[in-house]
N, C-alpha and C. Protein backbone atom coordinates (compact mmCIF):
# COMPACT_ATOMS: atom_id res chain seq x y z
N MET A 1 -13.73 11.41 12.92
CA MET A 1 -13.27 10.17 12.32
C MET A 1 -14.23 9.05 12.72
N ASN A 2 -14.46 8.15 11.79
CA ASN A 2 -15.32 7.00 12.02
C ASN A 2 -14.75 6.15 13.15
N SER A 3 -15.61 5.67 14.05
CA SER A 3 -15.13 4.85 15.17
C SER A 3 -15.36 3.36 14.92
N GLU A 4 -16.01 3.02 13.79
CA GLU A 4 -16.28 1.62 13.49
C GLU A 4 -15.10 1.00 12.75
N LEU A 5 -14.94 -0.32 12.91
CA LEU A 5 -13.89 -1.04 12.20
C LEU A 5 -14.26 -1.16 10.72
N TYR A 6 -13.24 -1.13 9.87
CA TYR A 6 -13.42 -1.39 8.44
C TYR A 6 -13.09 -2.86 8.21
N THR A 7 -13.63 -3.42 7.13
CA THR A 7 -13.35 -4.80 6.78
C THR A 7 -12.51 -4.82 5.50
N PHE A 8 -11.43 -5.58 5.52
CA PHE A 8 -10.56 -5.75 4.36
C PHE A 8 -10.32 -7.25 4.21
N GLY A 9 -11.09 -7.89 3.33
CA GLY A 9 -11.07 -9.36 3.27
C GLY A 9 -11.45 -9.89 4.64
N PRO A 10 -10.66 -10.81 5.19
CA PRO A 10 -10.99 -11.36 6.51
C PRO A 10 -10.47 -10.49 7.67
N TYR A 11 -9.82 -9.37 7.35
CA TYR A 11 -9.17 -8.55 8.38
C TYR A 11 -10.03 -7.37 8.82
N LYS A 12 -9.91 -7.03 10.08
CA LYS A 12 -10.56 -5.83 10.61
C LYS A 12 -9.51 -4.72 10.66
N ILE A 13 -9.85 -3.57 10.13
CA ILE A 13 -8.95 -2.42 10.06
C ILE A 13 -9.50 -1.34 10.98
N THR A 14 -8.65 -0.82 11.86
CA THR A 14 -9.09 0.23 12.77
C THR A 14 -9.13 1.57 12.04
N PRO A 15 -9.95 2.49 12.50
CA PRO A 15 -10.00 3.82 11.89
C PRO A 15 -8.65 4.54 11.94
N LYS A 16 -7.79 4.17 12.89
CA LYS A 16 -6.46 4.80 12.99
C LYS A 16 -5.60 4.51 11.76
N GLU A 17 -5.89 3.41 11.06
CA GLU A 17 -5.12 3.02 9.87
C GLU A 17 -5.68 3.63 8.59
N VAL A 18 -6.89 4.17 8.65
CA VAL A 18 -7.56 4.72 7.47
C VAL A 18 -7.34 6.23 7.43
N PHE A 19 -6.88 6.73 6.26
CA PHE A 19 -6.64 8.17 6.17
C PHE A 19 -7.59 8.88 5.21
N TYR A 20 -8.42 8.12 4.48
CA TYR A 20 -9.39 8.73 3.58
C TYR A 20 -10.50 7.73 3.35
N SER A 21 -11.75 8.22 3.32
CA SER A 21 -12.86 7.32 3.02
C SER A 21 -14.01 8.07 2.39
N THR A 22 -14.76 7.35 1.58
CA THR A 22 -16.01 7.85 1.01
C THR A 22 -17.04 6.75 1.25
N ASP A 23 -18.22 6.92 0.73
CA ASP A 23 -19.24 5.87 0.87
C ASP A 23 -18.86 4.60 0.11
N LEU A 24 -17.97 4.73 -0.89
CA LEU A 24 -17.65 3.59 -1.75
C LEU A 24 -16.24 3.02 -1.59
N CYS A 25 -15.36 3.72 -0.88
CA CYS A 25 -13.99 3.21 -0.77
C CYS A 25 -13.32 3.77 0.48
N PHE A 26 -12.17 3.18 0.81
CA PHE A 26 -11.33 3.77 1.85
C PHE A 26 -9.87 3.53 1.49
N ALA A 27 -9.01 4.44 1.95
CA ALA A 27 -7.57 4.35 1.73
C ALA A 27 -6.92 4.16 3.09
N MET A 28 -6.02 3.18 3.17
CA MET A 28 -5.38 2.86 4.45
C MET A 28 -3.89 2.66 4.25
N VAL A 29 -3.15 2.70 5.33
CA VAL A 29 -1.73 2.39 5.28
C VAL A 29 -1.58 0.87 5.28
N ASN A 30 -0.41 0.41 4.86
CA ASN A 30 -0.17 -1.01 4.68
C ASN A 30 0.57 -1.62 5.87
N LEU A 31 0.11 -2.77 6.32
CA LEU A 31 0.76 -3.47 7.42
C LEU A 31 2.18 -3.88 7.04
N ARG A 32 2.35 -4.36 5.83
CA ARG A 32 3.66 -4.79 5.34
C ARG A 32 3.90 -4.17 3.97
N PRO A 33 4.32 -2.91 3.93
CA PRO A 33 4.46 -2.24 2.63
C PRO A 33 5.59 -2.84 1.79
N VAL A 34 5.37 -2.85 0.46
CA VAL A 34 6.40 -3.30 -0.47
C VAL A 34 7.41 -2.18 -0.65
N VAL A 35 6.98 -0.95 -0.76
CA VAL A 35 7.85 0.22 -0.91
C VAL A 35 7.30 1.26 0.10
N PRO A 36 6.87 2.88 0.46
CA PRO A 36 5.64 2.95 1.40
C PRO A 36 5.00 3.50 -0.10
N ALA A 37 -7.11 6.64 -5.75
CA ALA A 37 -8.06 7.56 -6.41
C ALA A 37 -7.34 8.83 -6.81
N GLN A 38 -7.40 9.46 -7.53
CA GLN A 38 -6.70 10.61 -8.07
C GLN A 38 -6.39 11.62 -6.96
N LYS A 39 -7.36 11.92 -6.12
CA LYS A 39 -7.14 12.88 -5.04
C LYS A 39 -6.07 12.35 -4.09
N VAL A 40 -6.17 11.09 -3.71
CA VAL A 40 -5.19 10.47 -2.81
C VAL A 40 -3.83 10.43 -3.48
N GLY A 41 -3.79 9.94 -4.72
CA GLY A 41 -2.52 9.78 -5.43
C GLY A 41 -1.76 11.08 -5.61
N SER A 42 -2.44 12.12 -6.04
CA SER A 42 -1.73 13.39 -6.29
C SER A 42 -1.17 13.99 -5.01
N ARG A 43 -1.90 13.85 -3.92
CA ARG A 43 -1.39 14.39 -2.66
C ARG A 43 -0.24 13.55 -2.11
N LEU A 44 -0.32 12.23 -2.26
CA LEU A 44 0.80 11.37 -1.82
C LEU A 44 2.03 11.63 -2.68
N GLU A 45 1.82 11.85 -3.97
CA GLU A 45 2.93 12.17 -4.88
C GLU A 45 3.64 13.45 -4.42
N ASN A 46 2.88 14.47 -4.12
CA ASN A 46 3.47 15.73 -3.63
C ASN A 46 4.18 15.52 -2.30
N TYR A 47 3.57 14.80 -1.39
CA TYR A 47 4.14 14.57 -0.06
C TYR A 47 5.48 13.85 -0.14
N HIS A 48 5.58 12.84 -1.01
CA HIS A 48 6.80 12.05 -1.13
C HIS A 48 7.78 12.65 -2.14
N LYS A 49 7.45 13.85 -2.65
CA LYS A 49 8.27 14.52 -3.65
C LYS A 49 8.56 13.60 -4.84
N ALA A 50 7.53 12.86 -5.22
CA ALA A 50 7.62 11.93 -6.34
C ALA A 50 7.13 12.62 -7.60
N SER A 51 7.56 12.13 -8.75
CA SER A 51 7.14 12.72 -10.01
C SER A 51 6.06 11.89 -10.69
N SER A 52 5.84 10.68 -10.18
CA SER A 52 4.88 9.76 -10.78
C SER A 52 4.38 8.78 -9.73
N LEU A 53 3.42 7.97 -10.13
CA LEU A 53 2.90 6.92 -9.27
C LEU A 53 2.83 5.62 -10.06
N THR A 54 3.13 4.52 -9.41
CA THR A 54 2.84 3.21 -9.97
C THR A 54 1.66 2.67 -9.19
N LEU A 55 0.60 2.32 -9.90
CA LEU A 55 -0.58 1.74 -9.27
C LEU A 55 -0.61 0.26 -9.64
N THR A 56 -0.66 -0.58 -8.63
CA THR A 56 -0.77 -2.02 -8.90
C THR A 56 -2.10 -2.50 -8.37
N ILE A 57 -2.83 -3.18 -9.22
CA ILE A 57 -4.12 -3.75 -8.83
C ILE A 57 -3.91 -5.24 -8.64
N GLN A 58 -4.23 -5.72 -7.46
CA GLN A 58 -4.06 -7.14 -7.17
C GLN A 58 -5.42 -7.80 -7.08
N ASP A 59 -5.66 -8.72 -8.02
CA ASP A 59 -6.92 -9.46 -8.07
C ASP A 59 -6.59 -10.93 -8.26
N GLY A 60 -6.37 -11.63 -7.18
CA GLY A 60 -6.04 -13.05 -7.23
C GLY A 60 -4.61 -13.31 -6.83
N PRO A 61 -4.33 -14.52 -6.36
CA PRO A 61 -2.99 -14.84 -5.84
C PRO A 61 -1.88 -14.74 -6.87
N GLN A 62 -2.16 -15.02 -8.16
CA GLN A 62 -1.12 -14.91 -9.17
C GLN A 62 -0.76 -13.45 -9.45
N ALA A 63 -1.57 -12.53 -9.00
CA ALA A 63 -1.29 -11.11 -9.14
C ALA A 63 -0.58 -10.56 -7.90
N GLY A 64 -0.20 -11.45 -6.98
CA GLY A 64 0.48 -11.02 -5.77
C GLY A 64 -0.44 -10.73 -4.61
N GLN A 65 -1.71 -11.00 -4.78
CA GLN A 65 -2.70 -10.71 -3.74
C GLN A 65 -2.54 -11.67 -2.57
N THR A 66 -2.37 -11.10 -1.38
CA THR A 66 -2.26 -11.92 -0.17
C THR A 66 -3.50 -11.79 0.70
N VAL A 67 -4.36 -10.83 0.39
CA VAL A 67 -5.63 -10.65 1.09
C VAL A 67 -6.71 -10.93 0.05
N PRO A 68 -7.65 -11.84 0.32
CA PRO A 68 -8.64 -12.21 -0.69
C PRO A 68 -9.67 -11.12 -0.94
N HIS A 69 -9.21 -10.03 -1.54
CA HIS A 69 -10.04 -8.85 -1.78
C HIS A 69 -9.28 -8.00 -2.79
N VAL A 70 -9.91 -7.61 -3.88
CA VAL A 70 -9.25 -6.78 -4.88
C VAL A 70 -8.82 -5.48 -4.23
N HIS A 71 -7.55 -5.09 -4.44
CA HIS A 71 -7.08 -3.83 -3.88
C HIS A 71 -5.98 -3.23 -4.75
N ILE A 72 -5.72 -1.95 -4.51
CA ILE A 72 -4.75 -1.18 -5.29
C ILE A 72 -3.66 -0.68 -4.36
N HIS A 73 -2.41 -0.86 -4.78
CA HIS A 73 -1.27 -0.27 -4.07
C HIS A 73 -0.83 0.96 -4.84
N ILE A 74 -0.50 2.04 -4.12
CA ILE A 74 0.00 3.27 -4.74
C ILE A 74 1.46 3.42 -4.32
N LEU A 75 2.37 3.38 -5.30
CA LEU A 75 3.80 3.50 -5.01
C LEU A 75 4.32 4.81 -5.60
N PRO A 76 4.69 5.78 -4.76
CA PRO A 76 5.27 7.02 -5.28
C PRO A 76 6.60 6.70 -5.98
N ARG A 77 6.82 7.32 -7.15
CA ARG A 77 8.02 7.05 -7.94
C ARG A 77 8.79 8.33 -8.17
N LYS A 78 10.12 8.21 -8.22
CA LYS A 78 11.00 9.35 -8.46
C LYS A 78 11.93 9.04 -9.62
N SER A 79 12.36 10.06 -10.29
CA SER A 79 13.31 9.91 -11.38
C SER A 79 14.57 9.22 -10.85
N GLY A 80 14.97 8.15 -11.52
CA GLY A 80 16.19 7.45 -11.13
C GLY A 80 16.02 6.41 -10.05
N ASP A 81 14.79 6.18 -9.56
CA ASP A 81 14.63 5.16 -8.51
C ASP A 81 14.96 3.77 -9.05
N PHE A 82 14.82 3.59 -10.35
CA PHE A 82 15.27 2.39 -11.05
C PHE A 82 15.92 2.85 -12.35
N GLU A 83 16.88 2.08 -12.83
CA GLU A 83 17.58 2.47 -14.06
C GLU A 83 16.58 2.67 -15.20
N LYS A 84 15.70 1.70 -15.39
CA LYS A 84 14.59 1.82 -16.34
C LYS A 84 13.31 1.73 -15.52
N SER A 85 12.35 2.55 -15.82
CA SER A 85 11.13 2.62 -15.03
C SER A 85 10.48 1.26 -14.81
N ASP A 86 10.42 0.45 -15.86
CA ASP A 86 9.77 -0.86 -15.74
C ASP A 86 10.57 -1.85 -14.90
N ASP A 87 11.81 -1.51 -14.55
CA ASP A 87 12.60 -2.39 -13.67
C ASP A 87 11.92 -2.55 -12.31
N ALA A 88 11.03 -1.64 -11.96
CA ALA A 88 10.29 -1.76 -10.70
C ALA A 88 9.50 -3.07 -10.68
N TYR A 89 8.91 -3.41 -11.83
CA TYR A 89 8.14 -4.65 -11.90
C TYR A 89 9.04 -5.87 -11.77
N ASP A 90 10.22 -5.81 -12.40
CA ASP A 90 11.19 -6.91 -12.28
C ASP A 90 11.62 -7.09 -10.84
N ALA A 91 11.84 -5.98 -10.14
CA ALA A 91 12.26 -6.05 -8.73
C ALA A 91 11.16 -6.69 -7.89
N ILE A 92 9.93 -6.32 -8.15
CA ILE A 92 8.81 -6.91 -7.42
C ILE A 92 8.71 -8.40 -7.75
N ASP A 93 8.82 -8.74 -9.04
CA ASP A 93 8.76 -10.15 -9.45
C ASP A 93 9.89 -10.96 -8.82
N GLU A 94 11.10 -10.41 -8.80
CA GLU A 94 12.25 -11.11 -8.22
C GLU A 94 12.04 -11.35 -6.73
N LYS A 95 11.55 -10.34 -6.04
CA LYS A 95 11.28 -10.48 -4.60
C LYS A 95 10.23 -11.57 -4.38
N GLU A 96 9.20 -11.58 -5.23
CA GLU A 96 8.16 -12.59 -5.13
C GLU A 96 8.73 -14.00 -5.30
N LYS A 97 9.62 -14.17 -6.29
CA LYS A 97 10.24 -15.48 -6.54
C LYS A 97 11.06 -15.93 -5.33
N GLU A 98 11.84 -15.00 -4.77
CA GLU A 98 12.65 -15.32 -3.58
C GLU A 98 11.74 -15.78 -2.44
N LEU A 99 10.67 -15.06 -2.26
CA LEU A 99 9.75 -15.38 -1.17
C LEU A 99 9.07 -16.72 -1.38
N LYS A 100 8.65 -16.99 -2.61
CA LYS A 100 7.99 -18.27 -2.89
C LYS A 100 8.94 -19.44 -2.67
N GLN A 101 10.22 -19.25 -2.98
CA GLN A 101 11.20 -20.32 -2.77
C GLN A 101 11.34 -20.65 -1.29
N LYS A 102 11.12 -19.69 -0.45
CA LYS A 102 11.22 -19.92 1.00
C LYS A 102 9.93 -20.50 1.56
N LEU A 103 8.90 -20.60 0.71
CA LEU A 103 7.60 -21.19 1.07
C LEU A 103 6.84 -20.43 2.14
N ASP A 104 7.31 -19.29 2.51
CA ASP A 104 6.58 -18.48 3.48
C ASP A 104 6.62 -17.04 3.01
N LEU A 105 5.58 -16.63 2.31
CA LEU A 105 5.55 -15.30 1.70
C LEU A 105 5.65 -14.17 2.70
N ASP A 106 5.27 -14.41 3.95
CA ASP A 106 5.26 -13.32 4.91
C ASP A 106 6.53 -13.24 5.76
N LYS A 107 7.45 -14.18 5.65
CA LYS A 107 8.67 -14.17 6.47
C LYS A 107 9.51 -12.93 6.24
N GLU A 108 9.63 -12.52 4.98
CA GLU A 108 10.50 -11.39 4.62
C GLU A 108 9.91 -10.04 4.99
N ARG A 109 8.62 -9.96 5.07
CA ARG A 109 7.97 -8.69 5.35
C ARG A 109 7.60 -8.62 6.81
N LYS A 110 7.99 -7.54 7.45
CA LYS A 110 7.78 -7.38 8.89
C LYS A 110 6.53 -6.52 9.15
N ASP A 111 5.67 -7.01 10.03
CA ASP A 111 4.50 -6.22 10.42
C ASP A 111 4.95 -4.94 11.09
N ARG A 112 4.26 -3.87 10.77
CA ARG A 112 4.48 -2.62 11.48
C ARG A 112 3.54 -2.58 12.67
N THR A 113 3.86 -1.76 13.64
CA THR A 113 2.98 -1.63 14.80
C THR A 113 1.79 -0.76 14.44
N LEU A 114 0.71 -0.88 15.22
CA LEU A 114 -0.45 -0.03 15.01
C LEU A 114 -0.04 1.44 15.19
N GLU A 115 0.86 1.70 16.12
CA GLU A 115 1.33 3.07 16.33
C GLU A 115 2.03 3.62 15.09
N GLU A 116 2.90 2.82 14.46
CA GLU A 116 3.59 3.26 13.24
C GLU A 116 2.60 3.54 12.12
N MET A 117 1.64 2.63 11.96
CA MET A 117 0.65 2.82 10.90
C MET A 117 -0.27 3.99 11.19
N SER A 118 -0.61 4.19 12.45
CA SER A 118 -1.46 5.30 12.85
C SER A 118 -0.78 6.64 12.59
N GLU A 119 0.52 6.72 12.89
CA GLU A 119 1.27 7.97 12.64
C GLU A 119 1.31 8.29 11.15
N GLU A 120 1.55 7.26 10.32
CA GLU A 120 1.57 7.48 8.87
C GLU A 120 0.19 7.90 8.38
N ALA A 121 -0.86 7.23 8.85
CA ALA A 121 -2.22 7.58 8.45
C ALA A 121 -2.56 9.00 8.88
N ASP A 122 -2.11 9.42 10.07
CA ASP A 122 -2.35 10.80 10.52
C ASP A 122 -1.73 11.81 9.55
N GLU A 123 -0.50 11.53 9.11
CA GLU A 123 0.17 12.43 8.15
C GLU A 123 -0.63 12.51 6.85
N TYR A 124 -1.04 11.36 6.33
CA TYR A 124 -1.79 11.33 5.09
C TYR A 124 -3.17 11.95 5.26
N ARG A 125 -3.79 11.76 6.41
CA ARG A 125 -5.09 12.35 6.69
C ARG A 125 -5.01 13.87 6.60
N ARG A 126 -3.92 14.43 7.18
CA ARG A 126 -3.74 15.91 7.11
C ARG A 126 -3.60 16.37 5.66
N LEU A 127 -2.94 15.56 4.82
CA LEU A 127 -2.80 15.93 3.41
C LEU A 127 -4.13 16.02 2.70
N LEU A 128 -5.07 15.20 3.12
CA LEU A 128 -6.35 15.11 2.41
C LEU A 128 -7.46 15.92 3.06
N SER A 129 -7.15 16.64 4.12
CA SER A 129 -8.20 17.42 4.78
C SER A 129 -8.30 18.81 4.19
């Protein structure tokens, strides 16, 4: 495993948080997940016993981006997780509105510990090895 820190916008990411990397990209666990590349997605889908994936690309603050760096979230989806599949977007939008009203977007989301993120990354790393 790489021993150097990764850069994600202004943040430094430890190798313990990264579960897959190539010369052009890396996949990491999320500090504050909203819910928890094709190779990564298909294996995460199998691991979470999901039937589909929702991929959200955040490019700019109006797209929900809180880190000034374009990134993709992968959300494993299961049949019946929402009454209508697109209700997932409404739920995300509603949560965003609630958070904006409180004027502190990060109050509702709790940071996970490095240990929690490292354990999750270890599980995902095994999936991709």
